[in-house]
Amino acid sequence: MSGSSEKKLVRVDVSSDTVCPWCFVGKKNLDKAIAASNDKYNFEIIWHPFQLNPDAPKEGIDKREYYRRKFGSQSERMEARMSEVFKNVGLQYSLSGLTGNTMDSHRLIYFARQHGLDKQHDLVEELNIGYFTQGKYIGDHNFLLESAAKVGIEGAEEFLKNPNSGLREVEEELKTYSGNITGVPYYVINGNHKLSGGQPPEVFLRAFQVATT
């Protein structure tokens, strides 16, 4: 995500949770907007944690059962809607597998940033693909480590093994970046232009323009 020095810099701070389907849709559309305007801008994309359900169990719970409990009769309609939305970005939405606590995934995403913003961005993609389309559990260390290995992040196993590694930093970011927001995805572009929701690529493109003029 870099290029020649004449390009303007666009920094996007993204607050998201790894079990938020709209966050993944927003990422796919952000990626499209980046690809469409790479000739104009240099990009710095930085991922920050948000927890939709901080009290979710670490051991995980069946996704369908969880949504049924939370949303009742609306849950099937929501599943159909998400399937449609995912299809529009070229993905197959799956409610198979477990959902649960996302803290370890956020610790790993924080760790990935120490290896470079591109690696962090690629890790978010891997985690989302696994969780939303392949029934992988976001709290499963094997899945987290497989994802880290795929994008070339070294030292992840040792880092994750200690439950305190990165915990303070993630909790700090939860306060700093998520303290004043009520939902995700949430984007801050160049420090002052704010967007929320799974926006289409053209909305991001307009925001890049506004934030750099």
N, C-alpha and C. Protein backbone atom coordinates (compact mmCIF):
# COMPACT_ATOMS: atom_id res chain seq x y z
N MET A 1 0.82 -1.20 0.00
CA MET A 1 0.00 0.00 0.00
C MET A 1 0.86 1.26 0.00
N SER A 2 1.86 1.26 -0.83
CA SER A 2 2.69 2.46 -0.90
C SER A 2 2.95 2.79 -2.36
N GLY A 3 3.56 3.93 -2.58
CA GLY A 3 3.82 4.31 -3.98
C GLY A 3 4.68 5.55 -4.02
N SER A 4 4.58 6.31 -5.12
CA SER A 4 5.47 7.45 -5.32
C SER A 4 5.13 8.59 -4.37
N SER A 5 6.12 9.46 -4.12
CA SER A 5 5.98 10.49 -3.10
C SER A 5 5.02 11.61 -3.51
N GLU A 6 4.65 11.71 -4.82
CA GLU A 6 3.73 12.80 -5.22
C GLU A 6 2.30 12.50 -4.79
N LYS A 7 2.02 11.26 -4.49
CA LYS A 7 0.64 10.90 -4.13
C LYS A 7 0.31 11.43 -2.74
N LYS A 8 -0.97 11.76 -2.56
CA LYS A 8 -1.43 12.20 -1.24
C LYS A 8 -1.62 10.98 -0.35
N LEU A 9 -1.42 11.19 0.95
CA LEU A 9 -1.57 10.09 1.90
C LEU A 9 -3.01 10.03 2.39
N VAL A 10 -3.57 8.83 2.37
CA VAL A 10 -4.88 8.58 2.97
C VAL A 10 -4.67 7.56 4.09
N ARG A 11 -4.93 7.99 5.31
CA ARG A 11 -4.85 7.07 6.46
C ARG A 11 -6.28 6.73 6.88
N VAL A 12 -6.55 5.45 6.95
CA VAL A 12 -7.88 5.00 7.37
C VAL A 12 -7.74 4.19 8.65
N ASP A 13 -8.31 4.71 9.74
CA ASP A 13 -8.37 3.96 10.99
C ASP A 13 -9.72 3.26 11.03
N VAL A 14 -9.68 1.93 11.06
CA VAL A 14 -10.90 1.13 11.02
C VAL A 14 -11.13 0.48 12.38
N SER A 15 -12.28 0.75 12.97
CA SER A 15 -12.70 0.00 14.17
C SER A 15 -13.64 -1.10 13.70
N SER A 16 -13.34 -2.34 14.10
CA SER A 16 -14.20 -3.45 13.65
C SER A 16 -14.09 -4.61 14.61
N ASP A 17 -15.07 -5.52 14.51
CA ASP A 17 -14.99 -6.76 15.27
C ASP A 17 -14.91 -7.91 14.28
N THR A 18 -14.21 -8.96 14.67
CA THR A 18 -13.98 -10.08 13.74
C THR A 18 -15.19 -10.98 13.57
N VAL A 19 -16.28 -10.71 14.31
CA VAL A 19 -17.52 -11.47 14.10
C VAL A 19 -18.62 -10.58 13.53
N CYS A 20 -18.24 -9.43 13.00
CA CYS A 20 -19.21 -8.48 12.44
C CYS A 20 -19.23 -8.62 10.92
N PRO A 21 -20.31 -9.21 10.35
CA PRO A 21 -20.32 -9.43 8.90
C PRO A 21 -20.25 -8.14 8.08
N TRP A 22 -20.88 -7.07 8.58
CA TRP A 22 -20.82 -5.80 7.84
C TRP A 22 -19.40 -5.24 7.81
N CYS A 23 -18.60 -5.59 8.83
CA CYS A 23 -17.20 -5.14 8.84
C CYS A 23 -16.43 -5.78 7.68
N PHE A 24 -16.74 -7.04 7.39
CA PHE A 24 -16.07 -7.71 6.28
C PHE A 24 -16.55 -7.17 4.94
N VAL A 25 -17.85 -6.93 4.83
CA VAL A 25 -18.39 -6.33 3.60
C VAL A 25 -17.74 -4.95 3.38
N GLY A 26 -17.65 -4.18 4.47
CA GLY A 26 -17.00 -2.86 4.38
C GLY A 26 -15.55 -2.98 3.95
N LYS A 27 -14.85 -4.00 4.45
CA LYS A 27 -13.45 -4.20 4.07
C LYS A 27 -13.33 -4.49 2.58
N LYS A 28 -14.20 -5.37 2.07
CA LYS A 28 -14.14 -5.71 0.64
C LYS A 28 -14.39 -4.46 -0.22
N ASN A 29 -15.31 -3.61 0.21
CA ASN A 29 -15.60 -2.39 -0.55
C ASN A 29 -14.49 -1.36 -0.40
N LEU A 30 -13.90 -1.29 0.78
CA LEU A 30 -12.73 -0.42 0.99
C LEU A 30 -11.59 -0.87 0.08
N ASP A 31 -11.35 -2.18 0.01
CA ASP A 31 -10.30 -2.72 -0.85
C ASP A 31 -10.53 -2.35 -2.32
N LYS A 32 -11.81 -2.40 -2.74
CA LYS A 32 -12.14 -2.01 -4.13
C LYS A 32 -11.82 -0.54 -4.36
N ALA A 33 -12.18 0.29 -3.40
CA ALA A 33 -11.92 1.74 -3.52
C ALA A 33 -10.41 2.01 -3.55
N ILE A 34 -9.65 1.27 -2.75
CA ILE A 34 -8.18 1.43 -2.73
C ILE A 34 -7.61 1.04 -4.10
N ALA A 35 -8.07 -0.10 -4.63
CA ALA A 35 -7.57 -0.58 -5.93
C ALA A 35 -7.89 0.42 -7.04
N ALA A 36 -9.05 1.07 -6.92
CA ALA A 36 -9.48 2.01 -7.96
C ALA A 36 -8.77 3.36 -7.89
N SER A 37 -8.09 3.64 -6.76
CA SER A 37 -7.49 4.96 -6.62
C SER A 37 -6.02 4.91 -6.19
N ASN A 38 -5.41 3.74 -6.37
CA ASN A 38 -4.01 3.55 -6.00
C ASN A 38 -3.06 4.49 -6.74
N ASP A 39 -3.48 4.95 -7.91
CA ASP A 39 -2.63 5.86 -8.70
C ASP A 39 -2.62 7.27 -8.11
N LYS A 40 -3.63 7.59 -7.27
CA LYS A 40 -3.74 8.94 -6.70
C LYS A 40 -3.21 9.04 -5.28
N TYR A 41 -3.34 7.96 -4.53
CA TYR A 41 -3.05 8.03 -3.09
C TYR A 41 -2.11 6.93 -2.62
N ASN A 42 -1.38 7.24 -1.55
CA ASN A 42 -0.73 6.21 -0.75
C ASN A 42 -1.65 5.92 0.43
N PHE A 43 -1.79 4.66 0.77
CA PHE A 43 -2.73 4.28 1.83
C PHE A 43 -2.03 3.72 3.06
N GLU A 44 -2.54 4.12 4.20
CA GLU A 44 -2.19 3.49 5.48
C GLU A 44 -3.50 3.04 6.09
N ILE A 45 -3.71 1.73 6.14
CA ILE A 45 -4.93 1.19 6.74
C ILE A 45 -4.57 0.57 8.08
N ILE A 46 -5.20 1.04 9.14
CA ILE A 46 -4.87 0.56 10.49
C ILE A 46 -6.14 0.03 11.14
N TRP A 47 -6.05 -1.22 11.60
CA TRP A 47 -7.21 -1.89 12.19
C TRP A 47 -7.19 -1.79 13.71
N HIS A 48 -8.33 -1.40 14.27
CA HIS A 48 -8.48 -1.25 15.72
C HIS A 48 -9.62 -2.15 16.21
N PRO A 49 -9.52 -2.61 17.47
CA PRO A 49 -10.52 -3.55 17.98
C PRO A 49 -11.83 -2.90 18.41
N PHE A 50 -12.88 -3.69 18.30
CA PHE A 50 -14.19 -3.37 18.86
C PHE A 50 -14.78 -4.71 19.27
N GLN A 51 -15.54 -4.75 20.36
CA GLN A 51 -16.18 -6.01 20.75
C GLN A 51 -17.68 -5.82 20.83
N LEU A 52 -18.39 -6.48 19.92
CA LEU A 52 -19.84 -6.41 19.92
C LEU A 52 -20.40 -7.08 21.17
N ASN A 53 -19.73 -8.12 21.62
CA ASN A 53 -20.18 -8.83 22.83
C ASN A 53 -18.96 -9.25 23.66
N PRO A 54 -18.45 -8.32 24.50
CA PRO A 54 -17.25 -8.62 25.28
C PRO A 54 -17.44 -9.81 26.23
N ASP A 55 -18.70 -10.12 26.57
CA ASP A 55 -18.95 -11.22 27.51
C ASP A 55 -19.19 -12.56 26.81
N ALA A 56 -19.00 -12.60 25.49
CA ALA A 56 -19.20 -13.86 24.75
C ALA A 56 -18.27 -14.92 25.30
N PRO A 57 -18.73 -16.17 25.37
CA PRO A 57 -17.90 -17.22 25.96
C PRO A 57 -16.69 -17.56 25.12
N LYS A 58 -15.58 -17.85 25.81
CA LYS A 58 -14.33 -18.24 25.12
C LYS A 58 -14.48 -19.58 24.43
N GLU A 59 -15.26 -20.48 25.03
CA GLU A 59 -15.37 -21.83 24.47
C GLU A 59 -16.26 -21.87 23.23
N GLY A 60 -16.99 -20.81 22.95
CA GLY A 60 -17.78 -20.74 21.72
C GLY A 60 -19.18 -21.31 21.87
N ILE A 61 -20.06 -20.85 20.99
CA ILE A 61 -21.46 -21.29 20.97
C ILE A 61 -21.88 -21.39 19.51
N ASP A 62 -22.75 -22.33 19.21
CA ASP A 62 -23.23 -22.50 17.83
C ASP A 62 -23.79 -21.18 17.29
N LYS A 63 -23.33 -20.79 16.09
CA LYS A 63 -23.71 -19.49 15.52
C LYS A 63 -25.22 -19.32 15.37
N ARG A 64 -25.85 -20.31 14.76
CA ARG A 64 -27.29 -20.20 14.52
C ARG A 64 -28.06 -20.08 15.84
N GLU A 65 -27.65 -20.91 16.78
CA GLU A 65 -28.31 -20.89 18.10
C GLU A 65 -28.14 -19.52 18.76
N TYR A 66 -26.92 -18.97 18.66
CA TYR A 66 -26.64 -17.66 19.25
C TYR A 66 -27.54 -16.58 18.63
N TYR A 67 -27.62 -16.56 17.30
CA TYR A 67 -28.43 -15.54 16.62
C TYR A 67 -29.92 -15.73 16.90
N ARG A 68 -30.32 -16.98 17.01
CA ARG A 68 -31.73 -17.25 17.31
C ARG A 68 -32.09 -16.72 18.69
N ARG A 69 -31.18 -16.95 19.63
CA ARG A 69 -31.41 -16.44 20.99
C ARG A 69 -31.44 -14.92 21.02
N LYS A 70 -30.52 -14.33 20.26
CA LYS A 70 -30.37 -12.87 20.32
C LYS A 70 -31.47 -12.14 19.54
N PHE A 71 -31.82 -12.65 18.36
CA PHE A 71 -32.74 -11.92 17.48
C PHE A 71 -34.09 -12.60 17.26
N GLY A 72 -34.26 -13.79 17.84
CA GLY A 72 -35.54 -14.49 17.72
C GLY A 72 -35.92 -14.80 16.28
N SER A 73 -37.18 -14.53 15.95
CA SER A 73 -37.70 -14.90 14.63
C SER A 73 -37.04 -14.11 13.49
N GLN A 74 -36.40 -13.00 13.83
CA GLN A 74 -35.74 -12.19 12.78
C GLN A 74 -34.46 -12.85 12.26
N SER A 75 -33.92 -13.82 13.01
CA SER A 75 -32.59 -14.33 12.70
C SER A 75 -32.52 -14.96 11.30
N GLU A 76 -33.58 -15.65 10.88
CA GLU A 76 -33.56 -16.28 9.55
C GLU A 76 -33.57 -15.23 8.45
N ARG A 77 -34.36 -14.18 8.68
CA ARG A 77 -34.42 -13.09 7.69
C ARG A 77 -33.05 -12.41 7.59
N MET A 78 -32.40 -12.24 8.73
CA MET A 78 -31.06 -11.62 8.74
C MET A 78 -30.05 -12.49 8.02
N GLU A 79 -30.15 -13.80 8.20
CA GLU A 79 -29.23 -14.72 7.52
C GLU A 79 -29.39 -14.62 6.00
N ALA A 80 -30.65 -14.59 5.55
CA ALA A 80 -30.92 -14.48 4.11
C ALA A 80 -30.38 -13.16 3.56
N ARG A 81 -30.56 -12.10 4.32
CA ARG A 81 -30.07 -10.77 3.91
C ARG A 81 -28.54 -10.77 3.80
N MET A 82 -27.86 -11.33 4.81
CA MET A 82 -26.40 -11.35 4.78
C MET A 82 -25.88 -12.21 3.63
N SER A 83 -26.57 -13.31 3.36
CA SER A 83 -26.18 -14.17 2.23
C SER A 83 -26.20 -13.38 0.93
N GLU A 84 -27.24 -12.55 0.78
CA GLU A 84 -27.40 -11.71 -0.42
C GLU A 84 -26.29 -10.67 -0.50
N VAL A 85 -26.04 -10.01 0.63
CA VAL A 85 -25.01 -8.95 0.69
C VAL A 85 -23.63 -9.54 0.37
N PHE A 86 -23.33 -10.71 0.94
CA PHE A 86 -22.05 -11.37 0.70
C PHE A 86 -21.91 -11.77 -0.77
N LYS A 87 -23.01 -12.25 -1.35
CA LYS A 87 -22.99 -12.65 -2.76
C LYS A 87 -22.59 -11.46 -3.64
N ASN A 88 -23.05 -10.27 -3.26
CA ASN A 88 -22.74 -9.06 -4.02
C ASN A 88 -21.26 -8.69 -3.98
N VAL A 89 -20.52 -9.18 -2.97
CA VAL A 89 -19.07 -8.93 -2.94
C VAL A 89 -18.29 -10.20 -3.28
N GLY A 90 -19.00 -11.16 -3.90
CA GLY A 90 -18.34 -12.36 -4.41
C GLY A 90 -18.02 -13.41 -3.37
N LEU A 91 -18.79 -13.45 -2.28
CA LEU A 91 -18.51 -14.40 -1.20
C LEU A 91 -19.75 -15.20 -0.82
N GLN A 92 -19.53 -16.37 -0.27
CA GLN A 92 -20.64 -17.20 0.19
C GLN A 92 -20.69 -17.16 1.72
N TYR A 93 -21.74 -16.57 2.25
CA TYR A 93 -21.90 -16.42 3.70
C TYR A 93 -22.31 -17.75 4.32
N SER A 94 -21.68 -18.10 5.44
CA SER A 94 -22.00 -19.36 6.09
C SER A 94 -22.23 -19.13 7.58
N LEU A 95 -23.31 -19.72 8.10
CA LEU A 95 -23.57 -19.64 9.54
C LEU A 95 -23.18 -20.93 10.24
N SER A 96 -22.37 -21.74 9.58
CA SER A 96 -21.92 -22.98 10.24
C SER A 96 -20.82 -22.65 11.25
N GLY A 97 -20.62 -23.55 12.19
CA GLY A 97 -19.55 -23.37 13.17
C GLY A 97 -19.97 -22.58 14.39
N LEU A 98 -18.96 -22.11 15.12
CA LEU A 98 -19.19 -21.44 16.41
C LEU A 98 -18.90 -19.95 16.31
N THR A 99 -19.51 -19.21 17.23
CA THR A 99 -19.13 -17.83 17.45
C THR A 99 -18.76 -17.71 18.93
N GLY A 100 -18.15 -16.59 19.30
CA GLY A 100 -17.74 -16.46 20.70
C GLY A 100 -16.83 -15.27 20.91
N ASN A 101 -16.04 -15.33 21.95
CA ASN A 101 -15.21 -14.19 22.35
C ASN A 101 -14.12 -13.88 21.31
N THR A 102 -13.97 -12.59 21.00
CA THR A 102 -13.04 -12.19 19.93
C THR A 102 -11.72 -11.60 20.44
N MET A 103 -11.52 -11.58 21.76
CA MET A 103 -10.33 -10.91 22.30
C MET A 103 -9.02 -11.46 21.73
N ASP A 104 -8.90 -12.79 21.63
CA ASP A 104 -7.64 -13.36 21.14
C ASP A 104 -7.38 -12.96 19.68
N SER A 105 -8.44 -12.87 18.89
CA SER A 105 -8.25 -12.44 17.49
C SER A 105 -7.78 -10.99 17.45
N HIS A 106 -8.28 -10.15 18.35
CA HIS A 106 -7.84 -8.75 18.39
C HIS A 106 -6.39 -8.63 18.88
N ARG A 107 -6.01 -9.50 19.82
CA ARG A 107 -4.61 -9.51 20.26
C ARG A 107 -3.70 -9.86 19.09
N LEU A 108 -4.14 -10.84 18.29
CA LEU A 108 -3.32 -11.27 17.14
C LEU A 108 -3.25 -10.17 16.08
N ILE A 109 -4.37 -9.49 15.85
CA ILE A 109 -4.38 -8.38 14.87
C ILE A 109 -3.45 -7.26 15.33
N TYR A 110 -3.45 -7.00 16.64
CA TYR A 110 -2.51 -6.01 17.19
C TYR A 110 -1.06 -6.47 16.93
N PHE A 111 -0.79 -7.74 17.21
CA PHE A 111 0.55 -8.30 17.00
C PHE A 111 0.96 -8.19 15.52
N ALA A 112 0.02 -8.45 14.63
CA ALA A 112 0.31 -8.39 13.19
C ALA A 112 0.76 -6.99 12.77
N ARG A 113 0.20 -5.97 13.42
CA ARG A 113 0.58 -4.59 13.07
C ARG A 113 2.06 -4.33 13.32
N GLN A 114 2.62 -5.02 14.32
CA GLN A 114 4.05 -4.87 14.61
C GLN A 114 4.90 -5.40 13.45
N HIS A 115 4.30 -6.22 12.60
CA HIS A 115 5.01 -6.80 11.44
C HIS A 115 4.73 -6.01 10.16
N GLY A 116 3.93 -4.95 10.27
CA GLY A 116 3.63 -4.12 9.10
C GLY A 116 2.14 -4.01 8.84
N LEU A 117 1.72 -2.86 8.34
CA LEU A 117 0.29 -2.61 8.11
C LEU A 117 -0.27 -3.56 7.05
N ASP A 118 0.52 -3.88 6.04
CA ASP A 118 0.04 -4.80 5.00
C ASP A 118 -0.28 -6.17 5.59
N LYS A 119 0.60 -6.62 6.48
CA LYS A 119 0.38 -7.95 7.09
C LYS A 119 -0.87 -7.92 7.98
N GLN A 120 -1.05 -6.81 8.69
CA GLN A 120 -2.25 -6.69 9.52
C GLN A 120 -3.50 -6.75 8.64
N HIS A 121 -3.48 -6.02 7.55
CA HIS A 121 -4.62 -5.98 6.62
C HIS A 121 -4.89 -7.38 6.05
N ASP A 122 -3.83 -8.07 5.67
CA ASP A 122 -3.97 -9.43 5.11
C ASP A 122 -4.50 -10.42 6.16
N LEU A 123 -4.08 -10.24 7.41
CA LEU A 123 -4.56 -11.12 8.47
C LEU A 123 -6.05 -10.94 8.70
N VAL A 124 -6.50 -9.69 8.71
CA VAL A 124 -7.94 -9.42 8.88
C VAL A 124 -8.73 -10.14 7.79
N GLU A 125 -8.22 -10.10 6.56
CA GLU A 125 -8.86 -10.80 5.44
C GLU A 125 -8.95 -12.31 5.72
N GLU A 126 -7.84 -12.91 6.12
CA GLU A 126 -7.81 -14.35 6.38
C GLU A 126 -8.79 -14.75 7.48
N LEU A 127 -8.79 -13.99 8.56
CA LEU A 127 -9.69 -14.29 9.68
C LEU A 127 -11.15 -14.19 9.24
N ASN A 128 -11.45 -13.16 8.45
CA ASN A 128 -12.83 -12.96 7.99
C ASN A 128 -13.28 -14.06 7.04
N ILE A 129 -12.40 -14.42 6.10
CA ILE A 129 -12.72 -15.50 5.16
C ILE A 129 -13.03 -16.79 5.92
N GLY A 130 -12.16 -17.12 6.87
CA GLY A 130 -12.33 -18.35 7.64
C GLY A 130 -13.62 -18.35 8.46
N TYR A 131 -13.84 -17.25 9.17
CA TYR A 131 -14.99 -17.19 10.07
C TYR A 131 -16.32 -17.09 9.33
N PHE A 132 -16.38 -16.24 8.31
CA PHE A 132 -17.66 -15.98 7.66
C PHE A 132 -18.01 -16.93 6.52
N THR A 133 -17.00 -17.60 5.95
CA THR A 133 -17.31 -18.43 4.78
C THR A 133 -16.94 -19.90 4.96
N GLN A 134 -16.13 -20.22 5.99
CA GLN A 134 -15.65 -21.61 6.12
C GLN A 134 -16.00 -22.25 7.47
N GLY A 135 -16.79 -21.57 8.28
CA GLY A 135 -17.20 -22.14 9.56
C GLY A 135 -16.11 -22.27 10.59
N LYS A 136 -15.02 -21.50 10.43
CA LYS A 136 -13.93 -21.56 11.42
C LYS A 136 -14.32 -20.74 12.66
N TYR A 137 -13.80 -21.14 13.81
CA TYR A 137 -14.14 -20.44 15.06
C TYR A 137 -13.08 -19.40 15.40
N ILE A 138 -13.52 -18.17 15.58
CA ILE A 138 -12.62 -17.04 15.80
C ILE A 138 -11.83 -17.15 17.10
N GLY A 139 -12.28 -18.01 18.02
CA GLY A 139 -11.57 -18.19 19.28
C GLY A 139 -10.63 -19.39 19.29
N ASP A 140 -10.56 -20.09 18.16
CA ASP A 140 -9.72 -21.29 18.05
C ASP A 140 -8.28 -20.90 17.72
N HIS A 141 -7.37 -21.17 18.65
CA HIS A 141 -5.97 -20.77 18.44
C HIS A 141 -5.37 -21.43 17.21
N ASN A 142 -5.78 -22.65 16.90
CA ASN A 142 -5.24 -23.30 15.69
C ASN A 142 -5.61 -22.52 14.44
N PHE A 143 -6.86 -22.08 14.37
CA PHE A 143 -7.31 -21.26 13.23
C PHE A 143 -6.57 -19.93 13.20
N LEU A 144 -6.42 -19.29 14.37
CA LEU A 144 -5.72 -18.00 14.42
C LEU A 144 -4.27 -18.16 13.94
N LEU A 145 -3.62 -19.22 14.38
CA LEU A 145 -2.22 -19.44 14.01
C LEU A 145 -2.07 -19.83 12.54
N GLU A 146 -3.02 -20.61 12.01
CA GLU A 146 -3.01 -20.93 10.57
C GLU A 146 -3.10 -19.64 9.76
N SER A 147 -3.99 -18.76 10.17
CA SER A 147 -4.18 -17.48 9.46
C SER A 147 -2.92 -16.64 9.51
N ALA A 148 -2.29 -16.60 10.68
CA ALA A 148 -1.04 -15.83 10.83
C ALA A 148 0.05 -16.40 9.94
N ALA A 149 0.14 -17.73 9.88
CA ALA A 149 1.16 -18.39 9.05
C ALA A 149 0.93 -18.09 7.57
N LYS A 150 -0.34 -18.09 7.16
CA LYS A 150 -0.66 -17.84 5.75
C LYS A 150 -0.16 -16.47 5.27
N VAL A 151 -0.19 -15.49 6.17
CA VAL A 151 0.23 -14.14 5.76
C VAL A 151 1.66 -13.82 6.20
N GLY A 152 2.36 -14.85 6.71
CA GLY A 152 3.79 -14.70 6.99
C GLY A 152 4.13 -13.96 8.27
N ILE A 153 3.29 -14.14 9.31
CA ILE A 153 3.57 -13.51 10.60
C ILE A 153 4.27 -14.52 11.49
N GLU A 154 5.49 -14.20 11.89
CA GLU A 154 6.26 -15.13 12.73
C GLU A 154 6.11 -14.78 14.21
N GLY A 155 6.22 -15.80 15.05
CA GLY A 155 6.17 -15.58 16.50
C GLY A 155 4.78 -15.54 17.08
N ALA A 156 3.76 -15.84 16.25
CA ALA A 156 2.37 -15.72 16.70
C ALA A 156 2.03 -16.72 17.80
N GLU A 157 2.59 -17.92 17.69
CA GLU A 157 2.23 -18.96 18.67
C GLU A 157 2.69 -18.57 20.08
N GLU A 158 3.92 -18.13 20.15
CA GLU A 158 4.47 -17.71 21.44
C GLU A 158 3.69 -16.53 22.00
N PHE A 159 3.34 -15.60 21.11
CA PHE A 159 2.60 -14.40 21.52
C PHE A 159 1.22 -14.77 22.08
N LEU A 160 0.47 -15.60 21.34
CA LEU A 160 -0.89 -15.94 21.75
C LEU A 160 -0.94 -16.80 23.02
N LYS A 161 0.11 -17.62 23.18
CA LYS A 161 0.15 -18.57 24.31
C LYS A 161 0.03 -17.84 25.65
N ASN A 162 0.62 -16.65 25.72
CA ASN A 162 0.53 -15.86 26.95
C ASN A 162 -0.72 -14.98 26.87
N PRO A 163 -1.75 -15.25 27.70
CA PRO A 163 -3.01 -14.51 27.59
C PRO A 163 -2.88 -13.02 27.86
N ASN A 164 -1.73 -12.61 28.43
CA ASN A 164 -1.53 -11.18 28.70
C ASN A 164 -0.83 -10.44 27.56
N SER A 165 -0.27 -11.19 26.60
CA SER A 165 0.43 -10.53 25.49
C SER A 165 -0.55 -9.67 24.69
N GLY A 166 -0.25 -8.39 24.61
CA GLY A 166 -1.07 -7.48 23.82
C GLY A 166 -2.40 -7.10 24.47
N LEU A 167 -2.70 -7.69 25.62
CA LEU A 167 -4.00 -7.44 26.25
C LEU A 167 -4.16 -5.98 26.66
N ARG A 168 -3.15 -5.44 27.32
CA ARG A 168 -3.22 -4.04 27.76
C ARG A 168 -3.38 -3.10 26.57
N GLU A 169 -2.62 -3.39 25.50
CA GLU A 169 -2.67 -2.54 24.30
C GLU A 169 -4.05 -2.59 23.64
N VAL A 170 -4.61 -3.80 23.56
CA VAL A 170 -5.94 -3.94 22.95
C VAL A 170 -6.99 -3.23 23.80
N GLU A 171 -6.90 -3.39 25.12
CA GLU A 171 -7.86 -2.73 26.01
C GLU A 171 -7.74 -1.21 25.91
N GLU A 172 -6.52 -0.73 25.74
CA GLU A 172 -6.27 0.70 25.57
C GLU A 172 -6.93 1.20 24.28
N GLU A 173 -6.76 0.43 23.21
CA GLU A 173 -7.36 0.82 21.93
C GLU A 173 -8.88 0.74 21.97
N LEU A 174 -9.40 -0.23 22.70
CA LEU A 174 -10.86 -0.32 22.85
C LEU A 174 -11.40 0.96 23.48
N LYS A 175 -10.63 1.51 24.43
CA LYS A 175 -11.04 2.79 25.06
C LYS A 175 -10.88 3.95 24.09
N THR A 176 -9.70 4.01 23.47
CA THR A 176 -9.35 5.16 22.63
C THR A 176 -10.19 5.24 21.36
N TYR A 177 -10.32 4.09 20.67
CA TYR A 177 -10.97 4.11 19.36
C TYR A 177 -12.44 3.68 19.40
N SER A 178 -12.81 2.89 20.41
CA SER A 178 -14.18 2.38 20.44
C SER A 178 -15.03 2.99 21.54
N GLY A 179 -14.38 3.74 22.43
CA GLY A 179 -15.09 4.29 23.58
C GLY A 179 -16.28 5.16 23.21
N ASN A 180 -16.16 5.90 22.10
CA ASN A 180 -17.23 6.85 21.75
C ASN A 180 -18.09 6.40 20.58
N ILE A 181 -17.93 5.14 20.13
CA ILE A 181 -18.75 4.69 19.02
C ILE A 181 -19.67 3.57 19.48
N THR A 182 -20.80 3.45 18.80
CA THR A 182 -21.81 2.47 19.25
C THR A 182 -21.92 1.28 18.30
N GLY A 183 -21.31 1.39 17.13
CA GLY A 183 -21.40 0.29 16.17
C GLY A 183 -20.23 0.27 15.22
N VAL A 184 -20.06 -0.86 14.55
CA VAL A 184 -18.98 -1.03 13.59
C VAL A 184 -19.54 -1.64 12.31
N PRO A 185 -18.81 -1.49 11.18
CA PRO A 185 -17.50 -0.85 11.03
C PRO A 185 -17.58 0.67 11.15
N TYR A 186 -16.48 1.25 11.61
CA TYR A 186 -16.38 2.69 11.78
C TYR A 186 -15.03 3.13 11.25
N TYR A 187 -15.03 4.14 10.38
CA TYR A 187 -13.80 4.57 9.70
C TYR A 187 -13.51 6.03 10.00
N VAL A 188 -12.25 6.32 10.30
CA VAL A 188 -11.82 7.71 10.43
C VAL A 188 -10.74 7.92 9.37
N ILE A 189 -11.02 8.82 8.44
CA ILE A 189 -10.11 9.03 7.31
C ILE A 189 -9.33 10.34 7.52
N ASN A 190 -8.01 10.19 7.53
CA ASN A 190 -7.11 11.33 7.78
C ASN A 190 -7.48 12.10 9.04
N GLY A 191 -7.91 11.36 10.05
CA GLY A 191 -8.11 11.94 11.37
C GLY A 191 -9.39 12.69 11.60
N ASN A 192 -10.13 13.04 10.52
CA ASN A 192 -11.32 13.86 10.79
C ASN A 192 -12.57 13.49 9.99
N HIS A 193 -12.40 12.79 8.88
CA HIS A 193 -13.58 12.45 8.07
C HIS A 193 -14.08 11.08 8.52
N LYS A 194 -15.33 11.02 9.01
CA LYS A 194 -15.83 9.79 9.62
C LYS A 194 -16.94 9.14 8.80
N LEU A 195 -16.89 7.81 8.73
CA LEU A 195 -17.90 7.02 8.03
C LEU A 195 -18.25 5.83 8.89
N SER A 196 -19.48 5.33 8.75
CA SER A 196 -19.81 4.10 9.46
C SER A 196 -20.64 3.19 8.55
N GLY A 197 -20.59 1.89 8.84
CA GLY A 197 -21.37 0.91 8.08
C GLY A 197 -20.60 0.34 6.90
N GLY A 198 -21.18 -0.68 6.28
CA GLY A 198 -20.53 -1.34 5.14
C GLY A 198 -20.73 -0.55 3.86
N GLN A 199 -20.08 0.60 3.77
CA GLN A 199 -20.30 1.53 2.66
C GLN A 199 -19.85 0.97 1.31
N PRO A 200 -20.53 1.38 0.21
CA PRO A 200 -20.07 0.97 -1.11
C PRO A 200 -18.77 1.68 -1.50
N PRO A 201 -18.02 1.13 -2.48
CA PRO A 201 -16.73 1.71 -2.85
C PRO A 201 -16.78 3.21 -3.20
N GLU A 202 -17.87 3.63 -3.88
CA GLU A 202 -17.92 5.04 -4.31
C GLU A 202 -17.99 6.01 -3.12
N VAL A 203 -18.56 5.57 -2.00
CA VAL A 203 -18.60 6.43 -0.81
C VAL A 203 -17.18 6.60 -0.25
N PHE A 204 -16.42 5.52 -0.25
CA PHE A 204 -15.01 5.62 0.18
C PHE A 204 -14.23 6.54 -0.76
N LEU A 205 -14.45 6.39 -2.05
CA LEU A 205 -13.71 7.22 -3.02
C LEU A 205 -13.98 8.71 -2.80
N ARG A 206 -15.25 9.05 -2.55
CA ARG A 206 -15.60 10.46 -2.26
C ARG A 206 -14.93 10.91 -0.98
N ALA A 207 -14.92 10.02 0.02
CA ALA A 207 -14.32 10.37 1.32
C ALA A 207 -12.82 10.61 1.18
N PHE A 208 -12.14 9.80 0.35
CA PHE A 208 -10.70 10.01 0.12
C PHE A 208 -10.46 11.40 -0.45
N GLN A 209 -11.33 11.76 -1.40
CA GLN A 209 -11.20 13.06 -2.07
C GLN A 209 -11.39 14.21 -1.08
N VAL A 210 -12.46 14.12 -0.30
CA VAL A 210 -12.77 15.16 0.68
C VAL A 210 -11.65 15.28 1.71
N ALA A 211 -11.14 14.12 2.16
CA ALA A 211 -10.11 14.11 3.23
C ALA A 211 -8.76 14.62 2.75
N THR A 212 -8.55 14.69 1.44
CA THR A 212 -7.23 15.11 0.93
C THR A 212 -7.28 16.48 0.25
N THR A 213 -8.43 17.18 0.37
CA THR A 213 -8.50 18.53 -0.24
C THR A 213 -8.69 19.59 0.81
